[in-house]
mmCIF file of all heavy atoms, coordinates in Angstrom:
data_MODEL
# 
_entry.id   MODEL 
# 
loop_
_atom_site.group_PDB 
_atom_site.id 
_atom_site.type_symbol 
_atom_site.label_atom_id 
_atom_site.label_alt_id 
_atom_site.label_comp_id 
_atom_site.label_asym_id 
_atom_site.label_entity_id 
_atom_site.label_seq_id 
_atom_site.pdbx_PDB_ins_code 
_atom_site.Cartn_x 
_atom_site.Cartn_y 
_atom_site.Cartn_z 
_atom_site.occupancy 
_atom_site.B_iso_or_equiv 
_atom_site.pdbx_formal_charge 
_atom_site.auth_seq_id 
_atom_site.auth_comp_id 
_atom_site.auth_asym_id 
_atom_site.auth_atom_id 
_atom_site.pdbx_PDB_model_num 
ATOM 1   N N   . LEU A 1 1  ? -4.198  2.960   1.746  1.00 0.00 ? 1  LEU A N   1 
ATOM 2   C CA  . LEU A 1 1  ? -5.506  2.351   1.978  1.00 0.00 ? 1  LEU A CA  1 
ATOM 3   C C   . LEU A 1 1  ? -6.230  2.074   0.665  1.00 0.00 ? 1  LEU A C   1 
ATOM 4   O O   . LEU A 1 1  ? -7.005  1.114   0.558  1.00 0.00 ? 1  LEU A O   1 
ATOM 5   C CB  . LEU A 1 1  ? -6.339  3.264   2.873  1.00 0.00 ? 1  LEU A CB  1 
ATOM 6   C CG  . LEU A 1 1  ? -7.640  2.705   3.440  1.00 0.00 ? 1  LEU A CG  1 
ATOM 7   C CD1 . LEU A 1 1  ? -7.388  1.433   4.237  1.00 0.00 ? 1  LEU A CD1 1 
ATOM 8   C CD2 . LEU A 1 1  ? -8.315  3.749   4.320  1.00 0.00 ? 1  LEU A CD2 1 
ATOM 9   N N   . ALA A 1 2  ? -5.972  2.894   -0.348 1.00 0.00 ? 2  ALA A N   1 
ATOM 10  C CA  . ALA A 1 2  ? -6.651  2.735   -1.636 1.00 0.00 ? 2  ALA A CA  1 
ATOM 11  C C   . ALA A 1 2  ? -6.294  1.422   -2.321 1.00 0.00 ? 2  ALA A C   1 
ATOM 12  O O   . ALA A 1 2  ? -7.086  0.901   -3.115 1.00 0.00 ? 2  ALA A O   1 
ATOM 13  C CB  . ALA A 1 2  ? -6.308  3.910   -2.550 1.00 0.00 ? 2  ALA A CB  1 
ATOM 14  N N   . VAL A 1 3  ? -5.125  0.875   -2.010 1.00 0.00 ? 3  VAL A N   1 
ATOM 15  C CA  . VAL A 1 3  ? -4.718  -0.371  -2.678 1.00 0.00 ? 3  VAL A CA  1 
ATOM 16  C C   . VAL A 1 3  ? -4.828  -1.570  -1.734 1.00 0.00 ? 3  VAL A C   1 
ATOM 17  O O   . VAL A 1 3  ? -4.446  -2.688  -2.098 1.00 0.00 ? 3  VAL A O   1 
ATOM 18  C CB  . VAL A 1 3  ? -3.271  -0.272  -3.213 1.00 0.00 ? 3  VAL A CB  1 
ATOM 19  C CG1 . VAL A 1 3  ? -3.179  0.831   -4.258 1.00 0.00 ? 3  VAL A CG1 1 
ATOM 20  C CG2 . VAL A 1 3  ? -2.276  -0.030  -2.085 1.00 0.00 ? 3  VAL A CG2 1 
ATOM 21  N N   . HIS A 1 4  ? -5.336  -1.358  -0.530 1.00 0.00 ? 4  HIS A N   1 
ATOM 22  C CA  . HIS A 1 4  ? -5.507  -2.466  0.417  1.00 0.00 ? 4  HIS A CA  1 
ATOM 23  C C   . HIS A 1 4  ? -6.498  -3.483  -0.139 1.00 0.00 ? 4  HIS A C   1 
ATOM 24  O O   . HIS A 1 4  ? -7.565  -3.134  -0.618 1.00 0.00 ? 4  HIS A O   1 
ATOM 25  C CB  . HIS A 1 4  ? -6.020  -1.925  1.747  1.00 0.00 ? 4  HIS A CB  1 
ATOM 26  C CG  . HIS A 1 4  ? -6.533  -2.975  2.685  1.00 0.00 ? 4  HIS A CG  1 
ATOM 27  N ND1 . HIS A 1 4  ? -5.763  -4.045  3.105  1.00 0.00 ? 4  HIS A ND1 1 
ATOM 28  C CD2 . HIS A 1 4  ? -7.754  -3.123  3.279  1.00 0.00 ? 4  HIS A CD2 1 
ATOM 29  C CE1 . HIS A 1 4  ? -6.475  -4.789  3.924  1.00 0.00 ? 4  HIS A CE1 1 
ATOM 30  N NE2 . HIS A 1 4  ? -7.685  -4.264  4.032  1.00 0.00 ? 4  HIS A NE2 1 
ATOM 31  N N   . ASP A 1 5  ? -6.118  -4.752  -0.080 1.00 0.00 ? 5  ASP A N   1 
ATOM 32  C CA  . ASP A 1 5  ? -6.976  -5.828  -0.568 1.00 0.00 ? 5  ASP A CA  1 
ATOM 33  C C   . ASP A 1 5  ? -6.885  -7.004  0.397  1.00 0.00 ? 5  ASP A C   1 
ATOM 34  O O   . ASP A 1 5  ? -5.898  -7.751  0.386  1.00 0.00 ? 5  ASP A O   1 
ATOM 35  C CB  . ASP A 1 5  ? -6.553  -6.262  -1.968 1.00 0.00 ? 5  ASP A CB  1 
ATOM 36  C CG  . ASP A 1 5  ? -7.459  -7.331  -2.552 1.00 0.00 ? 5  ASP A CG  1 
ATOM 37  O OD1 . ASP A 1 5  ? -8.407  -7.762  -1.863 1.00 0.00 ? 5  ASP A OD1 1 
ATOM 38  O OD2 . ASP A 1 5  ? -7.219  -7.750  -3.701 1.00 0.00 ? 5  ASP A OD2 1 
ATOM 39  N N   . PRO A 1 6  ? -7.898  -7.200  1.252  1.00 0.00 ? 6  PRO A N   1 
ATOM 40  C CA  . PRO A 1 6  ? -7.837  -8.289  2.230  1.00 0.00 ? 6  PRO A CA  1 
ATOM 41  C C   . PRO A 1 6  ? -7.836  -9.670  1.597  1.00 0.00 ? 6  PRO A C   1 
ATOM 42  O O   . PRO A 1 6  ? -7.526  -10.658 2.275  1.00 0.00 ? 6  PRO A O   1 
ATOM 43  C CB  . PRO A 1 6  ? -9.095  -8.076  3.082  1.00 0.00 ? 6  PRO A CB  1 
ATOM 44  C CG  . PRO A 1 6  ? -10.008 -7.262  2.231  1.00 0.00 ? 6  PRO A CG  1 
ATOM 45  C CD  . PRO A 1 6  ? -9.125  -6.403  1.385  1.00 0.00 ? 6  PRO A CD  1 
ATOM 46  N N   . ALA A 1 7  ? -8.162  -9.761  0.296  1.00 0.00 ? 7  ALA A N   1 
ATOM 47  C CA  . ALA A 1 7  ? -8.161  -11.064 -0.370 1.00 0.00 ? 7  ALA A CA  1 
ATOM 48  C C   . ALA A 1 7  ? -6.743  -11.502 -0.728 1.00 0.00 ? 7  ALA A C   1 
ATOM 49  O O   . ALA A 1 7  ? -6.500  -12.682 -0.978 1.00 0.00 ? 7  ALA A O   1 
ATOM 50  C CB  . ALA A 1 7  ? -9.031  -11.005 -1.629 1.00 0.00 ? 7  ALA A CB  1 
ATOM 51  N N   . ARG A 1 8  ? -5.799  -10.546 -0.764 1.00 0.00 ? 8  ARG A N   1 
ATOM 52  C CA  . ARG A 1 8  ? -4.411  -10.905 -1.050 1.00 0.00 ? 8  ARG A CA  1 
ATOM 53  C C   . ARG A 1 8  ? -3.762  -11.551 0.173  1.00 0.00 ? 8  ARG A C   1 
ATOM 54  O O   . ARG A 1 8  ? -4.216  -11.356 1.295  1.00 0.00 ? 8  ARG A O   1 
ATOM 55  C CB  . ARG A 1 8  ? -3.601  -9.658  -1.444 1.00 0.00 ? 8  ARG A CB  1 
ATOM 56  C CG  . ARG A 1 8  ? -3.776  -9.222  -2.881 1.00 0.00 ? 8  ARG A CG  1 
ATOM 57  C CD  . ARG A 1 8  ? -2.655  -8.265  -3.265 1.00 0.00 ? 8  ARG A CD  1 
ATOM 58  N NE  . ARG A 1 8  ? -2.707  -7.039  -2.471 1.00 0.00 ? 8  ARG A NE  1 
ATOM 59  C CZ  . ARG A 1 8  ? -3.120  -5.863  -2.931 1.00 0.00 ? 8  ARG A CZ  1 
ATOM 60  N NH1 . ARG A 1 8  ? -3.552  -5.760  -4.164 1.00 0.00 ? 8  ARG A NH1 1 
ATOM 61  N NH2 . ARG A 1 8  ? -3.119  -4.799  -2.152 1.00 0.00 ? 8  ARG A NH2 1 
ATOM 62  N N   . ARG A 1 9  ? -2.670  -12.228 -0.044 1.00 0.00 ? 9  ARG A N   1 
ATOM 63  C CA  . ARG A 1 9  ? -1.885  -12.719 1.088  1.00 0.00 ? 9  ARG A CA  1 
ATOM 64  C C   . ARG A 1 9  ? -1.384  -11.525 1.888  1.00 0.00 ? 9  ARG A C   1 
ATOM 65  O O   . ARG A 1 9  ? -1.113  -10.451 1.340  1.00 0.00 ? 9  ARG A O   1 
ATOM 66  C CB  . ARG A 1 9  ? -0.698  -13.546 0.600  1.00 0.00 ? 9  ARG A CB  1 
ATOM 67  C CG  . ARG A 1 9  ? -1.070  -14.884 -0.023 1.00 0.00 ? 9  ARG A CG  1 
ATOM 68  C CD  . ARG A 1 9  ? 0.171   -15.726 -0.254 1.00 0.00 ? 9  ARG A CD  1 
ATOM 69  N NE  . ARG A 1 9  ? 1.183   -14.988 -1.039 1.00 0.00 ? 9  ARG A NE  1 
ATOM 70  C CZ  . ARG A 1 9  ? 2.435   -15.401 -1.181 1.00 0.00 ? 9  ARG A CZ  1 
ATOM 71  N NH1 . ARG A 1 9  ? 2.839   -16.522 -0.602 1.00 0.00 ? 9  ARG A NH1 1 
ATOM 72  N NH2 . ARG A 1 9  ? 3.277   -14.697 -1.917 1.00 0.00 ? 9  ARG A NH2 1 
ATOM 73  N N   . ALA A 1 10 ? -1.253  -11.705 3.190  1.00 0.00 ? 10 ALA A N   1 
ATOM 74  C CA  . ALA A 1 10 ? -0.903  -10.592 4.063  1.00 0.00 ? 10 ALA A CA  1 
ATOM 75  C C   . ALA A 1 10 ? 0.405   -9.925  3.648  1.00 0.00 ? 10 ALA A C   1 
ATOM 76  O O   . ALA A 1 10 ? 0.513   -8.691  3.627  1.00 0.00 ? 10 ALA A O   1 
ATOM 77  C CB  . ALA A 1 10 ? -0.822  -11.072 5.512  1.00 0.00 ? 10 ALA A CB  1 
ATOM 78  N N   . VAL A 1 11 ? 1.405   -10.711 3.314  1.00 0.00 ? 11 VAL A N   1 
ATOM 79  C CA  . VAL A 1 11 ? 2.695   -10.133 2.952  1.00 0.00 ? 11 VAL A CA  1 
ATOM 80  C C   . VAL A 1 11 ? 2.585   -9.321  1.663  1.00 0.00 ? 11 VAL A C   1 
ATOM 81  O O   . VAL A 1 11 ? 3.191   -8.250  1.527  1.00 0.00 ? 11 VAL A O   1 
ATOM 82  C CB  . VAL A 1 11 ? 3.770   -11.235 2.831  1.00 0.00 ? 11 VAL A CB  1 
ATOM 83  C CG1 . VAL A 1 11 ? 3.439   -12.210 1.718  1.00 0.00 ? 11 VAL A CG1 1 
ATOM 84  C CG2 . VAL A 1 11 ? 5.139   -10.624 2.650  1.00 0.00 ? 11 VAL A CG2 1 
ATOM 85  N N   . ASP A 1 12 ? 1.785   -9.802  0.704  1.00 0.00 ? 12 ASP A N   1 
ATOM 86  C CA  . ASP A 1 12 ? 1.596   -9.059  -0.544 1.00 0.00 ? 12 ASP A CA  1 
ATOM 87  C C   . ASP A 1 12 ? 0.822   -7.773  -0.298 1.00 0.00 ? 12 ASP A C   1 
ATOM 88  O O   . ASP A 1 12 ? 1.131   -6.730  -0.889 1.00 0.00 ? 12 ASP A O   1 
ATOM 89  C CB  . ASP A 1 12 ? 0.851   -9.927  -1.560 1.00 0.00 ? 12 ASP A CB  1 
ATOM 90  C CG  . ASP A 1 12 ? 1.671   -11.116 -2.014 1.00 0.00 ? 12 ASP A CG  1 
ATOM 91  O OD1 . ASP A 1 12 ? 2.906   -11.050 -1.895 1.00 0.00 ? 12 ASP A OD1 1 
ATOM 92  O OD2 . ASP A 1 12 ? 1.080   -12.104 -2.475 1.00 0.00 ? 12 ASP A OD2 1 
ATOM 93  N N   . ASP A 1 13 ? -0.193  -7.861  0.549  1.00 0.00 ? 13 ASP A N   1 
ATOM 94  C CA  . ASP A 1 13 ? -1.002  -6.686  0.849  1.00 0.00 ? 13 ASP A CA  1 
ATOM 95  C C   . ASP A 1 13 ? -0.161  -5.600  1.512  1.00 0.00 ? 13 ASP A C   1 
ATOM 96  O O   . ASP A 1 13 ? -0.208  -4.429  1.136  1.00 0.00 ? 13 ASP A O   1 
ATOM 97  C CB  . ASP A 1 13 ? -2.168  -7.089  1.755  1.00 0.00 ? 13 ASP A CB  1 
ATOM 98  C CG  . ASP A 1 13 ? -3.272  -6.046  1.808  1.00 0.00 ? 13 ASP A CG  1 
ATOM 99  O OD1 . ASP A 1 13 ? -3.410  -5.275  0.827  1.00 0.00 ? 13 ASP A OD1 1 
ATOM 100 O OD2 . ASP A 1 13 ? -3.999  -6.014  2.814  1.00 0.00 ? 13 ASP A OD2 1 
ATOM 101 N N   . GLY A 1 14 ? 0.629   -5.993  2.512  1.00 0.00 ? 14 GLY A N   1 
ATOM 102 C CA  . GLY A 1 14 ? 1.470   -5.025  3.208  1.00 0.00 ? 14 GLY A CA  1 
ATOM 103 C C   . GLY A 1 14 ? 2.492   -4.393  2.290  1.00 0.00 ? 14 GLY A C   1 
ATOM 104 O O   . GLY A 1 14 ? 2.729   -3.182  2.338  1.00 0.00 ? 14 GLY A O   1 
ATOM 105 N N   . TYR A 1 15 ? 3.106   -5.207  1.430  1.00 0.00 ? 15 TYR A N   1 
ATOM 106 C CA  . TYR A 1 15 ? 4.103   -4.677  0.505  1.00 0.00 ? 15 TYR A CA  1 
ATOM 107 C C   . TYR A 1 15 ? 3.472   -3.704  -0.487 1.00 0.00 ? 15 TYR A C   1 
ATOM 108 O O   . TYR A 1 15 ? 4.022   -2.624  -0.753 1.00 0.00 ? 15 TYR A O   1 
ATOM 109 C CB  . TYR A 1 15 ? 4.775   -5.824  -0.255 1.00 0.00 ? 15 TYR A CB  1 
ATOM 110 C CG  . TYR A 1 15 ? 5.733   -5.357  -1.324 1.00 0.00 ? 15 TYR A CG  1 
ATOM 111 C CD1 . TYR A 1 15 ? 6.994   -4.890  -1.003 1.00 0.00 ? 15 TYR A CD1 1 
ATOM 112 C CD2 . TYR A 1 15 ? 5.347   -5.356  -2.664 1.00 0.00 ? 15 TYR A CD2 1 
ATOM 113 C CE1 . TYR A 1 15 ? 7.867   -4.442  -1.979 1.00 0.00 ? 15 TYR A CE1 1 
ATOM 114 C CE2 . TYR A 1 15 ? 6.209   -4.917  -3.658 1.00 0.00 ? 15 TYR A CE2 1 
ATOM 115 C CZ  . TYR A 1 15 ? 7.472   -4.466  -3.305 1.00 0.00 ? 15 TYR A CZ  1 
ATOM 116 O OH  . TYR A 1 15 ? 8.328   -4.006  -4.281 1.00 0.00 ? 15 TYR A OH  1 
ATOM 117 N N   . THR A 1 16 ? 2.303   -4.067  -1.029 1.00 0.00 ? 16 THR A N   1 
ATOM 118 C CA  . THR A 1 16 ? 1.631   -3.200  -2.000 1.00 0.00 ? 16 THR A CA  1 
ATOM 119 C C   . THR A 1 16 ? 1.244   -1.872  -1.365 1.00 0.00 ? 16 THR A C   1 
ATOM 120 O O   . THR A 1 16 ? 1.390   -0.804  -1.981 1.00 0.00 ? 16 THR A O   1 
ATOM 121 C CB  . THR A 1 16 ? 0.381   -3.907  -2.553 1.00 0.00 ? 16 THR A CB  1 
ATOM 122 O OG1 . THR A 1 16 ? 0.760   -5.153  -3.152 1.00 0.00 ? 16 THR A OG1 1 
ATOM 123 C CG2 . THR A 1 16 ? -0.320  -3.047  -3.594 1.00 0.00 ? 16 THR A CG2 1 
ATOM 124 N N   . MET A 1 17 ? 0.751   -1.915  -0.136 1.00 0.00 ? 17 MET A N   1 
ATOM 125 C CA  . MET A 1 17 ? 0.390   -0.670  0.547  1.00 0.00 ? 17 MET A CA  1 
ATOM 126 C C   . MET A 1 17 ? 1.615   0.192   0.829  1.00 0.00 ? 17 MET A C   1 
ATOM 127 O O   . MET A 1 17 ? 1.578   1.422   0.661  1.00 0.00 ? 17 MET A O   1 
ATOM 128 C CB  . MET A 1 17 ? -0.349  -0.997  1.848  1.00 0.00 ? 17 MET A CB  1 
ATOM 129 C CG  . MET A 1 17 ? -1.710  -1.649  1.639  1.00 0.00 ? 17 MET A CG  1 
ATOM 130 S SD  . MET A 1 17 ? -2.499  -2.148  3.188  1.00 0.00 ? 17 MET A SD  1 
ATOM 131 C CE  . MET A 1 17 ? -2.875  -0.551  3.908  1.00 0.00 ? 17 MET A CE  1 
ATOM 132 N N   . ALA A 1 18 ? 2.710   -0.435  1.245  1.00 0.00 ? 18 ALA A N   1 
ATOM 133 C CA  . ALA A 1 18 ? 3.938   0.321   1.517  1.00 0.00 ? 18 ALA A CA  1 
ATOM 134 C C   . ALA A 1 18 ? 4.475   0.968   0.239  1.00 0.00 ? 18 ALA A C   1 
ATOM 135 O O   . ALA A 1 18 ? 4.950   2.110   0.257  1.00 0.00 ? 18 ALA A O   1 
ATOM 136 C CB  . ALA A 1 18 ? 4.988   -0.602  2.136  1.00 0.00 ? 18 ALA A CB  1 
ATOM 137 N N   . ARG A 1 19 ? 4.407   0.226   -0.868 1.00 0.00 ? 19 ARG A N   1 
ATOM 138 C CA  . ARG A 1 19 ? 4.878   0.784   -2.136 1.00 0.00 ? 19 ARG A CA  1 
ATOM 139 C C   . ARG A 1 19 ? 4.025   1.960   -2.578 1.00 0.00 ? 19 ARG A C   1 
ATOM 140 O O   . ARG A 1 19 ? 4.542   2.983   -3.045 1.00 0.00 ? 19 ARG A O   1 
ATOM 141 C CB  . ARG A 1 19 ? 4.866   -0.307  -3.203 1.00 0.00 ? 19 ARG A CB  1 
ATOM 142 C CG  . ARG A 1 19 ? 5.461   0.132   -4.537 1.00 0.00 ? 19 ARG A CG  1 
ATOM 143 C CD  . ARG A 1 19 ? 5.575   -1.024  -5.488 1.00 0.00 ? 19 ARG A CD  1 
ATOM 144 N NE  . ARG A 1 19 ? 4.277   -1.609  -5.797 1.00 0.00 ? 19 ARG A NE  1 
ATOM 145 C CZ  . ARG A 1 19 ? 4.106   -2.637  -6.631 1.00 0.00 ? 19 ARG A CZ  1 
ATOM 146 N NH1 . ARG A 1 19 ? 5.161   -3.204  -7.198 1.00 0.00 ? 19 ARG A NH1 1 
ATOM 147 N NH2 . ARG A 1 19 ? 2.902   -3.105  -6.866 1.00 0.00 ? 19 ARG A NH2 1 
ATOM 148 N N   . ALA A 1 20 ? 2.691   1.857   -2.393 1.00 0.00 ? 20 ALA A N   1 
ATOM 149 C CA  . ALA A 1 20 ? 1.812   2.974   -2.763 1.00 0.00 ? 20 ALA A CA  1 
ATOM 150 C C   . ALA A 1 20 ? 2.070   4.195   -1.892 1.00 0.00 ? 20 ALA A C   1 
ATOM 151 O O   . ALA A 1 20 ? 2.072   5.331   -2.371 1.00 0.00 ? 20 ALA A O   1 
ATOM 152 C CB  . ALA A 1 20 ? 0.355   2.534   -2.639 1.00 0.00 ? 20 ALA A CB  1 
ATOM 153 N N   . ALA A 1 21 ? 2.310   3.953   -0.605 1.00 0.00 ? 21 ALA A N   1 
ATOM 154 C CA  . ALA A 1 21 ? 2.590   5.075   0.291  1.00 0.00 ? 21 ALA A CA  1 
ATOM 155 C C   . ALA A 1 21 ? 3.897   5.767   -0.091 1.00 0.00 ? 21 ALA A C   1 
ATOM 156 O O   . ALA A 1 21 ? 3.983   7.000   -0.126 1.00 0.00 ? 21 ALA A O   1 
ATOM 157 C CB  . ALA A 1 21 ? 2.650   4.591   1.733  1.00 0.00 ? 21 ALA A CB  1 
ATOM 158 N N   . GLY A 1 22 ? 4.919   4.960   -0.384 1.00 0.00 ? 22 GLY A N   1 
ATOM 159 C CA  . GLY A 1 22 ? 6.209   5.541   -0.734 1.00 0.00 ? 22 GLY A CA  1 
ATOM 160 C C   . GLY A 1 22 ? 6.186   6.290   -2.058 1.00 0.00 ? 22 GLY A C   1 
ATOM 161 O O   . GLY A 1 22 ? 6.957   7.242   -2.247 1.00 0.00 ? 22 GLY A O   1 
ATOM 162 N N   . ALA A 1 23 ? 5.302   5.887   -2.967 1.00 0.00 ? 23 ALA A N   1 
ATOM 163 C CA  . ALA A 1 23 ? 5.220   6.552   -4.280 1.00 0.00 ? 23 ALA A CA  1 
ATOM 164 C C   . ALA A 1 23 ? 4.428   7.854   -4.214 1.00 0.00 ? 23 ALA A C   1 
ATOM 165 O O   . ALA A 1 23 ? 4.455   8.638   -5.177 1.00 0.00 ? 23 ALA A O   1 
ATOM 166 C CB  . ALA A 1 23 ? 4.588   5.610   -5.299 1.00 0.00 ? 23 ALA A CB  1 
ATOM 167 N N   . ALA A 1 24 ? 3.708   8.089   -3.129 1.00 0.00 ? 24 ALA A N   1 
ATOM 168 C CA  . ALA A 1 24 ? 2.897   9.308   -3.015 1.00 0.00 ? 24 ALA A CA  1 
ATOM 169 C C   . ALA A 1 24 ? 3.768   10.459  -2.521 1.00 0.00 ? 24 ALA A C   1 
ATOM 170 O O   . ALA A 1 24 ? 4.198   10.485  -1.368 1.00 0.00 ? 24 ALA A O   1 
ATOM 171 C CB  . ALA A 1 24 ? 1.738   9.061   -2.049 1.00 0.00 ? 24 ALA A CB  1 
ATOM 172 N N   . ARG A 1 25 ? 4.046   11.414  -3.407 1.00 0.00 ? 25 ARG A N   1 
ATOM 173 C CA  . ARG A 1 25 ? 4.784   12.612  -2.997 1.00 0.00 ? 25 ARG A CA  1 
ATOM 174 C C   . ARG A 1 25 ? 3.858   13.472  -2.146 1.00 0.00 ? 25 ARG A C   1 
ATOM 175 O O   . ARG A 1 25 ? 2.681   13.636  -2.468 1.00 0.00 ? 25 ARG A O   1 
ATOM 176 C CB  . ARG A 1 25 ? 5.259   13.381  -4.223 1.00 0.00 ? 25 ARG A CB  1 
ATOM 177 C CG  . ARG A 1 25 ? 6.152   12.545  -5.135 1.00 0.00 ? 25 ARG A CG  1 
ATOM 178 C CD  . ARG A 1 25 ? 6.713   13.339  -6.301 1.00 0.00 ? 25 ARG A CD  1 
ATOM 179 N NE  . ARG A 1 25 ? 5.681   13.790  -7.218 1.00 0.00 ? 25 ARG A NE  1 
ATOM 180 C CZ  . ARG A 1 25 ? 5.151   13.039  -8.170 1.00 0.00 ? 25 ARG A CZ  1 
ATOM 181 N NH1 . ARG A 1 25 ? 5.517   11.767  -8.309 1.00 0.00 ? 25 ARG A NH1 1 
ATOM 182 N NH2 . ARG A 1 25 ? 4.243   13.526  -8.982 1.00 0.00 ? 25 ARG A NH2 1 
ATOM 183 N N   . HIS A 1 26 ? 4.379   14.046  -1.077 1.00 0.00 ? 26 HIS A N   1 
ATOM 184 C CA  . HIS A 1 26 ? 3.485   14.775  -0.181 1.00 0.00 ? 26 HIS A CA  1 
ATOM 185 C C   . HIS A 1 26 ? 4.182   15.983  0.444  1.00 0.00 ? 26 HIS A C   1 
ATOM 186 O O   . HIS A 1 26 ? 5.418   16.053  0.505  1.00 0.00 ? 26 HIS A O   1 
ATOM 187 C CB  . HIS A 1 26 ? 2.955   13.854  0.924  1.00 0.00 ? 26 HIS A CB  1 
ATOM 188 C CG  . HIS A 1 26 ? 4.012   13.384  1.886  1.00 0.00 ? 26 HIS A CG  1 
ATOM 189 N ND1 . HIS A 1 26 ? 4.208   13.978  3.113  1.00 0.00 ? 26 HIS A ND1 1 
ATOM 190 C CD2 . HIS A 1 26 ? 4.926   12.378  1.802  1.00 0.00 ? 26 HIS A CD2 1 
ATOM 191 C CE1 . HIS A 1 26 ? 5.189   13.356  3.747  1.00 0.00 ? 26 HIS A CE1 1 
ATOM 192 N NE2 . HIS A 1 26 ? 5.645   12.377  2.970  1.00 0.00 ? 26 HIS A NE2 1 
ATOM 193 N N   . GLY A 1 27 ? 3.377   16.910  0.877  1.00 0.00 ? 27 GLY A N   1 
ATOM 194 C CA  . GLY A 1 27 ? 3.866   18.113  1.550  1.00 0.00 ? 27 GLY A CA  1 
ATOM 195 C C   . GLY A 1 27 ? 2.742   18.722  2.360  1.00 0.00 ? 27 GLY A C   1 
ATOM 196 O O   . GLY A 1 27 ? 1.634   18.168  2.448  1.00 0.00 ? 27 GLY A O   1 
ATOM 197 N N   . SER A 1 28 ? 3.001   19.866  2.940  1.00 0.00 ? 28 SER A N   1 
ATOM 198 C CA  . SER A 1 28 ? 1.993   20.545  3.757  1.00 0.00 ? 28 SER A CA  1 
ATOM 199 C C   . SER A 1 28 ? 2.135   22.040  3.620  1.00 0.00 ? 28 SER A C   1 
ATOM 200 O O   . SER A 1 28 ? 3.171   22.549  3.187  1.00 0.00 ? 28 SER A O   1 
ATOM 201 C CB  . SER A 1 28 ? 2.142   20.134  5.233  1.00 0.00 ? 28 SER A CB  1 
ATOM 202 O OG  . SER A 1 28 ? 3.400   20.541  5.742  1.00 0.00 ? 28 SER A OG  1 
# 
């Protein structure tokens, strides 16, 4: 969500968000 930009083309926005999500290491 932090990199979501509605001004970008939809395909670019979705790809950028997916890449940011995948780069975030996570645990619980």
